[in-house]
């Protein structure tokens, strides 16, 4: 797990996952623009937002967003971030290319985002969440695009994603199958995740 920090404001603003020693997978929404003069760091090897001696920090030097990302529709909300130097002792997540994902599968959701409307968690949280029919997310967000092959829908009673969880993974059997893209604070609200399987070729080209 990675979280991104704006070094000017000192604020956490998004999450991601390490997929190679120097590449991080996240959402395009997290980086609407990338300004080299605004220092962004990626923090890893920690479960805490408070001081932690084991934390590893790297600078973000490049952001590649899907060229057809559309913030208005939510389509192609995926990005690969390059770090200034590799991390050889933090294992990258395994991506679930080629995995079968069905409604009813028990998956995992992980993140540092808000644990309530105003309460920011200081420790990494995780919970089980269930893969749902895409029609649930289509109806909840009134967006027909969320029924396409580019998305996964997940939900569970009392569980969900919230602000600052954008870019966090959806995991199935230890493999990342999704990237949290659209969600509303409030337990039980569905999470719309980018389906990483649909972007295998694009991800591999940008490693």
N, C-alpha and C. Protein backbone atom coordinates (compact mmCIF):
# COMPACT_ATOMS: atom_id res chain seq x y z
N UNK A 1 0.83 -1.20 0.00
CA UNK A 1 0.00 0.00 0.00
C UNK A 1 0.87 1.25 0.00
N UNK A 2 0.40 2.22 -0.75
CA UNK A 2 1.08 3.50 -0.89
C UNK A 2 0.08 4.60 -0.57
N UNK A 3 0.53 5.63 0.09
CA UNK A 3 -0.29 6.83 0.10
C UNK A 3 0.51 8.01 -0.39
N UNK A 4 -0.19 8.90 -1.10
CA UNK A 4 0.44 10.06 -1.70
C UNK A 4 0.24 11.28 -0.81
N UNK A 5 1.31 12.05 -0.69
CA UNK A 5 1.28 13.22 0.19
C UNK A 5 1.79 14.45 -0.56
N UNK A 6 1.01 15.51 -0.48
CA UNK A 6 1.42 16.78 -1.02
C UNK A 6 2.37 17.43 -0.02
N UNK A 7 3.62 17.62 -0.41
CA UNK A 7 4.62 18.10 0.53
C UNK A 7 4.45 19.59 0.87
N UNK A 8 3.68 20.30 0.06
CA UNK A 8 3.43 21.71 0.35
C UNK A 8 2.38 21.85 1.44
N UNK A 9 1.27 21.12 1.28
CA UNK A 9 0.19 21.21 2.26
C UNK A 9 0.36 20.23 3.41
N UNK A 10 1.19 19.18 3.18
CA UNK A 10 1.37 18.16 4.20
C UNK A 10 0.22 17.18 4.29
N UNK A 11 -0.66 17.19 3.29
CA UNK A 11 -1.87 16.38 3.35
C UNK A 11 -1.79 15.12 2.50
N UNK A 12 -2.33 14.05 3.05
CA UNK A 12 -2.60 12.84 2.28
C UNK A 12 -3.72 13.17 1.30
N UNK A 13 -3.60 12.72 0.05
CA UNK A 13 -4.70 13.01 -0.87
C UNK A 13 -5.18 11.80 -1.66
N UNK A 14 -4.45 10.70 -1.67
CA UNK A 14 -4.90 9.52 -2.41
C UNK A 14 -4.05 8.32 -2.01
N UNK A 15 -4.46 7.16 -2.50
CA UNK A 15 -3.72 5.93 -2.22
C UNK A 15 -3.34 5.25 -3.53
N UNK A 16 -2.59 4.18 -3.40
CA UNK A 16 -2.19 3.40 -4.56
C UNK A 16 -1.54 2.11 -4.11
N UNK A 17 -1.06 1.34 -5.08
CA UNK A 17 -0.37 0.08 -4.76
C UNK A 17 0.93 0.00 -5.55
N UNK A 18 1.95 -0.50 -4.90
CA UNK A 18 3.23 -0.72 -5.55
C UNK A 18 3.11 -1.95 -6.44
N UNK A 19 3.37 -1.80 -7.76
CA UNK A 19 3.22 -2.93 -8.67
C UNK A 19 4.56 -3.38 -9.27
N UNK A 20 5.59 -2.55 -9.17
CA UNK A 20 6.97 -2.93 -9.46
C UNK A 20 7.80 -2.16 -8.43
N UNK A 21 9.11 -2.37 -8.38
CA UNK A 21 9.90 -1.63 -7.39
C UNK A 21 9.82 -0.12 -7.50
N UNK A 22 9.43 0.42 -8.67
CA UNK A 22 9.33 1.88 -8.77
C UNK A 22 8.08 2.39 -9.48
N UNK A 23 7.04 1.54 -9.57
CA UNK A 23 5.79 1.95 -10.21
C UNK A 23 4.62 1.73 -9.26
N UNK A 24 3.71 2.70 -9.25
CA UNK A 24 2.53 2.64 -8.39
C UNK A 24 1.28 2.76 -9.25
N UNK A 25 0.29 1.92 -8.97
CA UNK A 25 -0.98 1.94 -9.68
C UNK A 25 -2.00 2.72 -8.86
N UNK A 26 -2.69 3.65 -9.51
CA UNK A 26 -3.68 4.46 -8.81
C UNK A 26 -4.73 4.91 -9.82
N UNK A 27 -5.54 5.90 -9.44
CA UNK A 27 -6.54 6.43 -10.37
C UNK A 27 -6.04 7.69 -11.04
N UNK A 28 -6.54 7.94 -12.23
CA UNK A 28 -6.23 9.19 -12.92
C UNK A 28 -6.82 10.37 -12.16
N UNK A 29 -7.96 10.16 -11.50
CA UNK A 29 -8.61 11.23 -10.73
C UNK A 29 -7.68 11.81 -9.67
N UNK A 30 -6.81 10.98 -9.13
CA UNK A 30 -5.89 11.45 -8.09
C UNK A 30 -4.89 12.47 -8.61
N UNK A 31 -4.65 12.44 -9.92
CA UNK A 31 -3.67 13.34 -10.52
C UNK A 31 -4.30 14.06 -11.71
N UNK A 32 -5.23 14.99 -11.44
CA UNK A 32 -5.85 15.72 -12.56
C UNK A 32 -4.84 16.49 -13.37
N UNK A 33 -3.74 16.86 -12.72
CA UNK A 33 -2.60 17.43 -13.41
C UNK A 33 -1.38 17.10 -12.57
N UNK A 34 -0.23 17.03 -13.22
CA UNK A 34 0.99 16.75 -12.46
C UNK A 34 1.95 17.90 -12.69
N UNK A 35 2.21 18.67 -11.64
CA UNK A 35 3.09 19.81 -11.73
C UNK A 35 4.40 19.48 -11.03
N UNK A 36 5.49 19.36 -11.77
CA UNK A 36 6.77 18.98 -11.16
C UNK A 36 7.22 19.93 -10.04
N UNK A 37 6.73 21.18 -10.06
CA UNK A 37 7.14 22.12 -9.02
C UNK A 37 6.34 21.94 -7.73
N UNK A 38 5.33 21.07 -7.74
CA UNK A 38 4.59 20.72 -6.53
C UNK A 38 5.09 19.35 -6.07
N UNK A 39 5.91 19.30 -5.04
CA UNK A 39 6.50 18.02 -4.64
C UNK A 39 5.46 17.06 -4.06
N UNK A 40 5.38 15.88 -4.66
CA UNK A 40 4.49 14.82 -4.20
C UNK A 40 5.36 13.64 -3.80
N UNK A 41 5.08 13.07 -2.65
CA UNK A 41 5.81 11.89 -2.21
C UNK A 41 4.88 10.70 -2.06
N UNK A 42 5.46 9.52 -2.19
CA UNK A 42 4.75 8.27 -1.98
C UNK A 42 5.31 7.62 -0.72
N UNK A 43 4.45 7.33 0.23
CA UNK A 43 4.85 6.74 1.51
C UNK A 43 4.42 5.29 1.55
N UNK A 44 5.34 4.41 1.94
CA UNK A 44 5.10 2.96 1.92
C UNK A 44 5.67 2.29 3.16
N UNK A 45 5.45 0.98 3.24
CA UNK A 45 6.01 0.14 4.31
C UNK A 45 5.55 0.62 5.69
N UNK A 46 4.29 1.03 5.76
CA UNK A 46 3.72 1.49 7.02
C UNK A 46 2.22 1.26 7.03
N UNK A 47 1.65 1.11 8.20
CA UNK A 47 0.20 1.05 8.34
C UNK A 47 -0.31 2.28 9.07
N UNK A 48 0.57 3.27 9.27
CA UNK A 48 0.23 4.41 10.11
C UNK A 48 0.48 5.72 9.39
N UNK A 49 -0.39 6.70 9.65
CA UNK A 49 -0.18 8.05 9.15
C UNK A 49 0.60 8.90 10.14
N UNK A 50 0.83 8.37 11.33
CA UNK A 50 1.59 9.09 12.33
C UNK A 50 3.05 8.64 12.25
N UNK A 51 3.99 9.33 12.90
CA UNK A 51 5.42 8.98 12.74
C UNK A 51 5.70 7.49 12.90
N UNK A 52 6.48 6.96 11.96
CA UNK A 52 6.76 5.53 11.91
C UNK A 52 8.18 5.36 11.36
N UNK A 53 9.06 4.78 12.18
CA UNK A 53 10.46 4.65 11.79
C UNK A 53 10.69 3.72 10.62
N UNK A 54 9.74 2.83 10.30
CA UNK A 54 9.92 1.90 9.19
C UNK A 54 9.42 2.46 7.85
N UNK A 55 8.82 3.62 7.88
CA UNK A 55 8.24 4.18 6.68
C UNK A 55 9.31 4.42 5.61
N UNK A 56 8.93 4.15 4.35
CA UNK A 56 9.80 4.41 3.20
C UNK A 56 9.14 5.49 2.36
N UNK A 57 9.91 6.48 1.98
CA UNK A 57 9.38 7.62 1.23
C UNK A 57 10.15 7.78 -0.08
N UNK A 58 9.42 7.96 -1.16
CA UNK A 58 10.01 8.23 -2.45
C UNK A 58 9.29 9.41 -3.09
N UNK A 59 9.99 10.12 -3.96
CA UNK A 59 9.39 11.25 -4.68
C UNK A 59 8.71 10.75 -5.95
N UNK A 60 7.60 11.36 -6.29
CA UNK A 60 6.91 11.07 -7.55
C UNK A 60 7.56 11.91 -8.64
N UNK A 61 8.00 11.25 -9.71
CA UNK A 61 8.68 11.97 -10.79
C UNK A 61 7.91 11.94 -12.11
N UNK A 62 6.92 11.05 -12.22
CA UNK A 62 6.18 10.97 -13.48
C UNK A 62 4.81 10.36 -13.23
N UNK A 63 3.83 10.85 -13.94
CA UNK A 63 2.47 10.30 -13.86
C UNK A 63 1.97 10.08 -15.28
N UNK A 64 1.55 8.86 -15.58
CA UNK A 64 0.94 8.55 -16.88
C UNK A 64 -0.50 8.15 -16.64
N UNK A 65 -1.41 8.95 -17.15
CA UNK A 65 -2.83 8.64 -17.04
C UNK A 65 -3.31 7.98 -18.33
N UNK A 66 -4.36 7.18 -18.22
CA UNK A 66 -4.95 6.63 -19.44
C UNK A 66 -5.31 7.78 -20.36
N UNK A 67 -4.90 7.74 -21.62
CA UNK A 67 -5.09 8.89 -22.51
C UNK A 67 -6.56 9.25 -22.74
N UNK A 68 -7.45 8.27 -22.58
CA UNK A 68 -8.87 8.54 -22.81
C UNK A 68 -9.64 8.67 -21.50
N UNK A 69 -8.93 8.98 -20.40
CA UNK A 69 -9.62 9.23 -19.13
C UNK A 69 -10.60 10.38 -19.29
N UNK A 70 -11.82 10.17 -18.76
CA UNK A 70 -12.87 11.18 -18.85
C UNK A 70 -13.44 11.41 -17.45
N UNK A 71 -13.07 12.51 -16.79
CA UNK A 71 -13.56 12.74 -15.43
C UNK A 71 -15.07 12.92 -15.35
N UNK A 72 -15.70 13.34 -16.44
CA UNK A 72 -17.15 13.56 -16.43
C UNK A 72 -17.91 12.23 -16.37
N UNK A 73 -17.40 11.21 -17.04
CA UNK A 73 -18.08 9.92 -17.08
C UNK A 73 -17.46 8.90 -16.14
N UNK A 74 -16.23 9.18 -15.68
CA UNK A 74 -15.52 8.22 -14.83
C UNK A 74 -14.80 7.14 -15.61
N UNK A 75 -14.87 7.19 -16.92
CA UNK A 75 -14.26 6.15 -17.75
C UNK A 75 -12.73 6.25 -17.74
N UNK A 76 -12.10 5.07 -17.71
CA UNK A 76 -10.64 4.92 -17.83
C UNK A 76 -9.89 5.69 -16.74
N UNK A 77 -10.37 5.52 -15.54
CA UNK A 77 -9.81 6.23 -14.38
C UNK A 77 -8.63 5.45 -13.81
N UNK A 78 -7.52 5.48 -14.52
CA UNK A 78 -6.37 4.68 -14.12
C UNK A 78 -5.09 5.44 -14.47
N UNK A 79 -4.07 5.29 -13.62
CA UNK A 79 -2.79 5.96 -13.84
C UNK A 79 -1.67 5.11 -13.27
N UNK A 80 -0.48 5.26 -13.87
CA UNK A 80 0.73 4.63 -13.36
C UNK A 80 1.71 5.74 -12.98
N UNK A 81 2.19 5.68 -11.75
CA UNK A 81 3.08 6.70 -11.20
C UNK A 81 4.49 6.11 -11.09
N UNK A 82 5.49 6.89 -11.50
CA UNK A 82 6.89 6.47 -11.40
C UNK A 82 7.55 7.17 -10.22
N UNK A 83 8.30 6.40 -9.43
CA UNK A 83 9.02 6.93 -8.28
C UNK A 83 10.47 7.22 -8.64
N UNK A 84 11.10 8.07 -7.85
CA UNK A 84 12.45 8.50 -8.19
C UNK A 84 13.51 7.42 -8.03
N UNK A 85 13.24 6.41 -7.20
CA UNK A 85 14.17 5.29 -7.07
C UNK A 85 13.40 4.07 -6.61
N UNK A 86 13.88 2.87 -6.93
CA UNK A 86 13.14 1.65 -6.61
C UNK A 86 13.20 1.30 -5.13
N UNK A 87 12.20 0.52 -4.71
CA UNK A 87 12.15 -0.04 -3.36
C UNK A 87 12.27 -1.54 -3.52
N UNK A 88 13.40 -2.09 -3.13
CA UNK A 88 13.66 -3.50 -3.40
C UNK A 88 13.19 -4.43 -2.28
N UNK A 89 12.88 -3.88 -1.11
CA UNK A 89 12.53 -4.74 0.02
C UNK A 89 11.05 -4.68 0.38
N UNK A 90 10.25 -3.96 -0.39
CA UNK A 90 8.79 -3.95 -0.21
C UNK A 90 8.19 -4.72 -1.37
N UNK A 91 7.53 -5.85 -1.12
CA UNK A 91 7.03 -6.66 -2.22
C UNK A 91 5.87 -6.00 -2.95
N UNK A 92 5.91 -5.94 -4.28
CA UNK A 92 4.78 -5.39 -5.04
C UNK A 92 3.55 -6.29 -4.93
N UNK A 93 2.39 -5.70 -5.12
CA UNK A 93 1.15 -6.48 -5.15
C UNK A 93 1.11 -7.29 -6.45
N UNK A 94 0.45 -8.41 -6.41
CA UNK A 94 0.24 -9.21 -7.61
C UNK A 94 -1.07 -8.78 -8.26
N UNK A 95 -1.03 -8.51 -9.55
CA UNK A 95 -2.22 -8.08 -10.27
C UNK A 95 -2.97 -9.30 -10.82
N UNK A 96 -4.29 -9.23 -10.73
CA UNK A 96 -5.12 -10.38 -11.05
C UNK A 96 -5.49 -10.50 -12.52
N UNK A 97 -4.52 -10.32 -13.40
CA UNK A 97 -4.78 -10.49 -14.82
C UNK A 97 -5.25 -11.92 -15.08
N UNK A 98 -6.31 -12.07 -15.83
CA UNK A 98 -6.78 -13.40 -16.20
C UNK A 98 -7.64 -14.09 -15.16
N UNK A 99 -7.85 -13.47 -14.01
CA UNK A 99 -8.67 -14.10 -12.98
C UNK A 99 -10.15 -14.01 -13.33
N UNK A 100 -10.91 -15.01 -12.87
CA UNK A 100 -12.36 -14.97 -13.00
C UNK A 100 -12.93 -14.29 -11.76
N UNK A 101 -13.80 -13.32 -11.98
CA UNK A 101 -14.44 -12.58 -10.90
C UNK A 101 -15.94 -12.67 -11.09
N UNK A 102 -16.63 -13.16 -10.09
CA UNK A 102 -18.07 -13.35 -10.18
C UNK A 102 -18.79 -12.67 -9.04
N UNK A 103 -20.04 -12.29 -9.26
CA UNK A 103 -20.87 -11.74 -8.19
C UNK A 103 -20.93 -12.75 -7.05
N UNK A 104 -20.79 -12.27 -5.84
CA UNK A 104 -20.79 -13.13 -4.67
C UNK A 104 -19.41 -13.46 -4.15
N UNK A 105 -18.37 -13.22 -4.96
CA UNK A 105 -17.00 -13.44 -4.48
C UNK A 105 -16.70 -12.51 -3.31
N UNK A 106 -16.03 -13.03 -2.29
CA UNK A 106 -15.60 -12.23 -1.15
C UNK A 106 -14.25 -11.62 -1.48
N UNK A 107 -14.19 -10.30 -1.51
CA UNK A 107 -12.96 -9.58 -1.81
C UNK A 107 -12.56 -8.76 -0.59
N UNK A 108 -11.44 -8.08 -0.70
CA UNK A 108 -10.97 -7.23 0.38
C UNK A 108 -10.85 -5.79 -0.09
N UNK A 109 -11.18 -4.85 0.79
CA UNK A 109 -11.00 -3.44 0.50
C UNK A 109 -10.06 -2.87 1.57
N UNK A 110 -9.10 -2.04 1.15
CA UNK A 110 -8.05 -1.54 2.04
C UNK A 110 -7.89 -0.06 1.80
N UNK A 111 -7.64 0.71 2.87
CA UNK A 111 -7.38 2.13 2.65
C UNK A 111 -7.15 2.91 3.93
N UNK A 112 -6.67 4.13 3.75
CA UNK A 112 -6.43 5.06 4.86
C UNK A 112 -7.48 6.16 4.91
N UNK A 113 -8.52 6.06 4.12
CA UNK A 113 -9.47 7.16 4.00
C UNK A 113 -10.29 7.39 5.26
N UNK A 114 -11.22 8.30 5.15
CA UNK A 114 -12.07 8.63 6.28
C UNK A 114 -12.86 7.42 6.74
N UNK A 115 -12.95 7.25 8.06
CA UNK A 115 -13.75 6.17 8.63
C UNK A 115 -15.15 6.66 8.98
N UNK A 116 -15.42 7.91 8.73
CA UNK A 116 -16.72 8.52 8.94
C UNK A 116 -16.75 9.84 8.20
N UNK A 117 -17.86 10.54 8.22
CA UNK A 117 -17.97 11.78 7.46
C UNK A 117 -16.89 12.81 7.79
N UNK A 118 -16.40 12.82 9.03
CA UNK A 118 -15.40 13.83 9.41
C UNK A 118 -14.17 13.23 10.09
N UNK A 119 -14.12 11.92 10.22
CA UNK A 119 -13.05 11.29 11.00
C UNK A 119 -12.06 10.60 10.08
N UNK A 120 -10.83 11.11 10.05
CA UNK A 120 -9.77 10.51 9.25
C UNK A 120 -9.05 9.47 10.08
N UNK A 121 -9.00 8.25 9.56
CA UNK A 121 -8.31 7.20 10.29
C UNK A 121 -6.80 7.44 10.24
N UNK A 122 -6.10 7.08 11.28
CA UNK A 122 -4.64 7.22 11.29
C UNK A 122 -3.94 5.90 11.02
N UNK A 123 -4.71 4.83 10.90
CA UNK A 123 -4.12 3.51 10.63
C UNK A 123 -4.82 2.88 9.42
N UNK A 124 -4.07 2.10 8.70
CA UNK A 124 -4.60 1.41 7.54
C UNK A 124 -5.73 0.47 7.97
N UNK A 125 -6.83 0.56 7.28
CA UNK A 125 -8.00 -0.28 7.58
C UNK A 125 -8.27 -1.24 6.44
N UNK A 126 -8.86 -2.36 6.78
CA UNK A 126 -9.23 -3.34 5.76
C UNK A 126 -10.49 -4.06 6.19
N UNK A 127 -11.21 -4.56 5.20
CA UNK A 127 -12.43 -5.30 5.50
C UNK A 127 -12.79 -6.14 4.28
N UNK A 128 -13.67 -7.10 4.51
CA UNK A 128 -14.19 -7.88 3.39
C UNK A 128 -15.35 -7.13 2.74
N UNK A 129 -15.44 -7.32 1.46
CA UNK A 129 -16.51 -6.70 0.67
C UNK A 129 -16.91 -7.71 -0.40
N UNK A 130 -18.14 -7.66 -0.86
CA UNK A 130 -18.65 -8.67 -1.78
C UNK A 130 -18.81 -8.10 -3.19
N UNK A 131 -18.33 -8.83 -4.18
CA UNK A 131 -18.53 -8.44 -5.57
C UNK A 131 -20.02 -8.51 -5.89
N UNK A 132 -20.53 -7.44 -6.50
CA UNK A 132 -21.95 -7.30 -6.77
C UNK A 132 -22.22 -7.21 -8.28
N UNK A 133 -23.47 -7.45 -8.68
CA UNK A 133 -23.81 -7.19 -10.08
C UNK A 133 -23.56 -5.72 -10.42
N UNK A 134 -23.08 -5.47 -11.61
CA UNK A 134 -22.74 -4.09 -11.98
C UNK A 134 -23.96 -3.19 -12.01
N UNK A 135 -25.14 -3.79 -12.15
CA UNK A 135 -26.36 -2.99 -12.17
C UNK A 135 -26.55 -2.22 -10.87
N UNK A 136 -26.02 -2.74 -9.76
CA UNK A 136 -26.12 -2.04 -8.48
C UNK A 136 -25.39 -0.71 -8.53
N UNK A 137 -24.18 -0.71 -9.07
CA UNK A 137 -23.42 0.53 -9.17
C UNK A 137 -23.99 1.45 -10.24
N UNK A 138 -24.50 0.89 -11.31
CA UNK A 138 -25.13 1.71 -12.33
C UNK A 138 -26.29 2.51 -11.75
N UNK A 139 -27.10 1.84 -10.95
CA UNK A 139 -28.26 2.50 -10.35
C UNK A 139 -27.85 3.48 -9.26
N UNK A 140 -26.89 3.09 -8.43
CA UNK A 140 -26.50 3.92 -7.29
C UNK A 140 -25.88 5.24 -7.75
N UNK A 141 -25.15 5.21 -8.85
CA UNK A 141 -24.46 6.41 -9.33
C UNK A 141 -25.10 6.99 -10.59
N UNK A 142 -26.19 6.36 -11.03
CA UNK A 142 -26.89 6.82 -12.23
C UNK A 142 -25.93 6.99 -13.40
N UNK A 143 -25.13 5.95 -13.63
CA UNK A 143 -24.10 6.01 -14.66
C UNK A 143 -24.07 4.67 -15.38
N UNK A 144 -24.51 4.64 -16.61
CA UNK A 144 -24.55 3.38 -17.37
C UNK A 144 -23.16 2.86 -17.67
N UNK A 145 -22.15 3.74 -17.66
CA UNK A 145 -20.79 3.30 -17.96
C UNK A 145 -20.28 2.28 -16.95
N UNK A 146 -20.82 2.33 -15.74
CA UNK A 146 -20.34 1.43 -14.70
C UNK A 146 -20.79 -0.02 -14.93
N UNK A 147 -21.57 -0.24 -15.96
CA UNK A 147 -21.94 -1.59 -16.35
C UNK A 147 -21.01 -2.19 -17.38
N UNK A 148 -19.99 -1.44 -17.79
CA UNK A 148 -19.10 -1.91 -18.84
C UNK A 148 -18.03 -2.83 -18.28
N UNK A 149 -17.21 -3.37 -19.19
CA UNK A 149 -16.15 -4.30 -18.81
C UNK A 149 -15.01 -3.61 -18.09
N UNK A 150 -15.04 -2.30 -18.01
CA UNK A 150 -13.95 -1.55 -17.38
C UNK A 150 -14.11 -1.39 -15.87
N UNK A 151 -15.21 -1.91 -15.32
CA UNK A 151 -15.48 -1.68 -13.90
C UNK A 151 -15.87 -2.95 -13.17
N UNK A 152 -15.67 -2.90 -11.85
CA UNK A 152 -16.15 -3.91 -10.91
C UNK A 152 -17.00 -3.18 -9.88
N UNK A 153 -18.07 -3.80 -9.44
CA UNK A 153 -18.93 -3.23 -8.40
C UNK A 153 -18.83 -4.11 -7.16
N UNK A 154 -18.70 -3.47 -6.01
CA UNK A 154 -18.59 -4.23 -4.75
C UNK A 154 -19.33 -3.48 -3.64
N UNK A 155 -19.86 -4.24 -2.68
CA UNK A 155 -20.56 -3.62 -1.55
C UNK A 155 -20.72 -4.65 -0.45
N UNK A 156 -20.89 -4.16 0.76
CA UNK A 156 -21.18 -5.01 1.91
C UNK A 156 -21.77 -4.13 3.00
N UNK A 157 -22.61 -4.71 3.82
CA UNK A 157 -23.26 -3.96 4.88
C UNK A 157 -22.21 -3.38 5.84
N UNK A 158 -22.28 -2.07 6.05
CA UNK A 158 -21.38 -1.42 6.99
C UNK A 158 -19.96 -1.22 6.50
N UNK A 159 -19.70 -1.52 5.23
CA UNK A 159 -18.34 -1.44 4.69
C UNK A 159 -18.37 -0.63 3.40
N UNK A 160 -17.30 0.12 3.17
CA UNK A 160 -17.21 0.85 1.92
C UNK A 160 -15.93 1.64 1.85
N UNK A 161 -15.82 2.48 0.83
CA UNK A 161 -14.71 3.40 0.70
C UNK A 161 -15.20 4.80 0.97
N UNK A 162 -14.26 5.70 1.24
CA UNK A 162 -14.64 7.07 1.56
C UNK A 162 -13.59 8.01 0.97
N UNK A 163 -13.71 9.28 1.29
CA UNK A 163 -12.74 10.26 0.81
C UNK A 163 -11.32 9.80 1.16
N UNK A 164 -10.41 10.00 0.24
CA UNK A 164 -9.00 9.65 0.34
C UNK A 164 -8.72 8.17 0.09
N UNK A 165 -9.76 7.37 -0.11
CA UNK A 165 -9.55 5.96 -0.47
C UNK A 165 -9.38 5.78 -1.97
N UNK A 166 -9.53 6.83 -2.74
CA UNK A 166 -9.35 6.72 -4.19
C UNK A 166 -7.96 6.17 -4.48
N UNK A 167 -7.89 5.19 -5.37
CA UNK A 167 -6.63 4.54 -5.70
C UNK A 167 -6.33 3.31 -4.89
N UNK A 168 -7.13 3.05 -3.85
CA UNK A 168 -6.92 1.86 -3.01
C UNK A 168 -7.32 0.60 -3.77
N UNK A 169 -6.79 -0.55 -3.37
CA UNK A 169 -7.07 -1.78 -4.11
C UNK A 169 -8.32 -2.51 -3.65
N UNK A 170 -8.90 -3.24 -4.57
CA UNK A 170 -9.86 -4.31 -4.27
C UNK A 170 -9.10 -5.60 -4.54
N UNK A 171 -9.05 -6.48 -3.55
CA UNK A 171 -8.22 -7.67 -3.61
C UNK A 171 -9.07 -8.94 -3.59
N UNK A 172 -8.68 -9.91 -4.40
CA UNK A 172 -9.35 -11.20 -4.43
C UNK A 172 -8.28 -12.29 -4.34
N UNK A 173 -8.34 -13.06 -3.26
CA UNK A 173 -7.36 -14.14 -3.03
C UNK A 173 -5.92 -13.62 -3.10
N UNK A 174 -5.70 -12.40 -2.60
CA UNK A 174 -4.36 -11.84 -2.55
C UNK A 174 -3.92 -11.14 -3.82
N UNK A 175 -4.74 -11.13 -4.84
CA UNK A 175 -4.43 -10.45 -6.10
C UNK A 175 -5.27 -9.19 -6.23
N UNK A 176 -4.69 -8.13 -6.76
CA UNK A 176 -5.47 -6.91 -6.97
C UNK A 176 -6.26 -7.04 -8.26
N UNK A 177 -7.58 -6.89 -8.13
CA UNK A 177 -8.45 -6.95 -9.30
C UNK A 177 -9.07 -5.60 -9.62
N UNK A 178 -9.06 -4.69 -8.64
CA UNK A 178 -9.71 -3.40 -8.86
C UNK A 178 -8.98 -2.26 -8.19
N UNK A 179 -9.31 -1.04 -8.63
CA UNK A 179 -8.80 0.19 -8.04
C UNK A 179 -10.01 1.03 -7.66
N UNK A 180 -10.14 1.36 -6.39
CA UNK A 180 -11.29 2.14 -5.93
C UNK A 180 -11.34 3.47 -6.67
N UNK A 181 -12.46 3.71 -7.34
CA UNK A 181 -12.59 4.89 -8.19
C UNK A 181 -13.70 5.82 -7.73
N UNK A 182 -14.89 5.25 -7.54
CA UNK A 182 -16.05 6.05 -7.13
C UNK A 182 -16.67 5.41 -5.89
N UNK A 183 -16.93 6.23 -4.89
CA UNK A 183 -17.56 5.73 -3.67
C UNK A 183 -18.16 6.90 -2.91
N UNK A 184 -19.05 6.57 -1.97
CA UNK A 184 -19.63 7.58 -1.09
C UNK A 184 -19.38 7.14 0.34
N UNK A 185 -19.07 8.09 1.18
CA UNK A 185 -18.89 7.75 2.59
C UNK A 185 -20.21 7.23 3.15
N UNK A 186 -20.10 6.19 3.95
CA UNK A 186 -21.30 5.59 4.53
C UNK A 186 -21.26 4.10 4.33
N UNK A 187 -21.29 3.35 5.39
CA UNK A 187 -21.23 1.91 5.29
C UNK A 187 -22.34 1.35 4.44
N UNK A 188 -21.96 0.44 3.55
CA UNK A 188 -22.95 -0.22 2.71
C UNK A 188 -23.11 0.40 1.34
N UNK A 189 -22.60 1.62 1.15
CA UNK A 189 -22.67 2.22 -0.18
C UNK A 189 -21.75 1.46 -1.13
N UNK A 190 -22.19 1.22 -2.36
CA UNK A 190 -21.34 0.45 -3.27
C UNK A 190 -20.08 1.20 -3.66
N UNK A 191 -19.07 0.42 -3.99
CA UNK A 191 -17.79 0.95 -4.45
C UNK A 191 -17.63 0.59 -5.93
N UNK A 192 -17.36 1.58 -6.74
CA UNK A 192 -17.06 1.36 -8.15
C UNK A 192 -15.55 1.29 -8.29
N UNK A 193 -15.06 0.18 -8.80
CA UNK A 193 -13.61 -0.02 -8.94
C UNK A 193 -13.25 -0.22 -10.41
N UNK A 194 -12.16 0.37 -10.82
CA UNK A 194 -11.62 0.10 -12.15
C UNK A 194 -11.15 -1.35 -12.19
N UNK A 195 -11.54 -2.08 -13.21
CA UNK A 195 -11.15 -3.48 -13.36
C UNK A 195 -9.77 -3.56 -14.01
N UNK A 196 -8.76 -3.94 -13.23
CA UNK A 196 -7.39 -3.92 -13.76
C UNK A 196 -7.21 -4.92 -14.89
N UNK A 197 -8.06 -5.96 -14.94
CA UNK A 197 -7.94 -6.96 -16.01
C UNK A 197 -8.19 -6.34 -17.37
N UNK A 198 -9.03 -5.31 -17.42
CA UNK A 198 -9.36 -4.66 -18.68
C UNK A 198 -8.22 -3.79 -19.19
N UNK A 199 -7.22 -3.54 -18.35
CA UNK A 199 -6.12 -2.64 -18.70
C UNK A 199 -4.77 -3.35 -18.69
N UNK A 200 -4.79 -4.66 -18.81
CA UNK A 200 -3.53 -5.41 -18.74
C UNK A 200 -2.51 -4.90 -19.75
N UNK A 201 -2.90 -4.75 -21.00
CA UNK A 201 -1.95 -4.32 -22.04
C UNK A 201 -1.44 -2.92 -21.75
N UNK A 202 -2.33 -2.02 -21.33
CA UNK A 202 -1.93 -0.63 -21.06
C UNK A 202 -0.99 -0.57 -19.86
N UNK A 203 -1.29 -1.32 -18.81
CA UNK A 203 -0.43 -1.34 -17.63
C UNK A 203 0.96 -1.87 -17.99
N UNK A 204 1.01 -2.97 -18.73
CA UNK A 204 2.31 -3.56 -19.09
C UNK A 204 3.12 -2.60 -19.96
N UNK A 205 2.48 -1.84 -20.82
CA UNK A 205 3.21 -0.88 -21.66
C UNK A 205 3.83 0.25 -20.83
N UNK A 206 3.28 0.50 -19.67
CA UNK A 206 3.72 1.64 -18.86
C UNK A 206 4.53 1.24 -17.64
N UNK A 207 4.98 -0.02 -17.60
CA UNK A 207 5.83 -0.45 -16.51
C UNK A 207 7.28 -0.03 -16.74
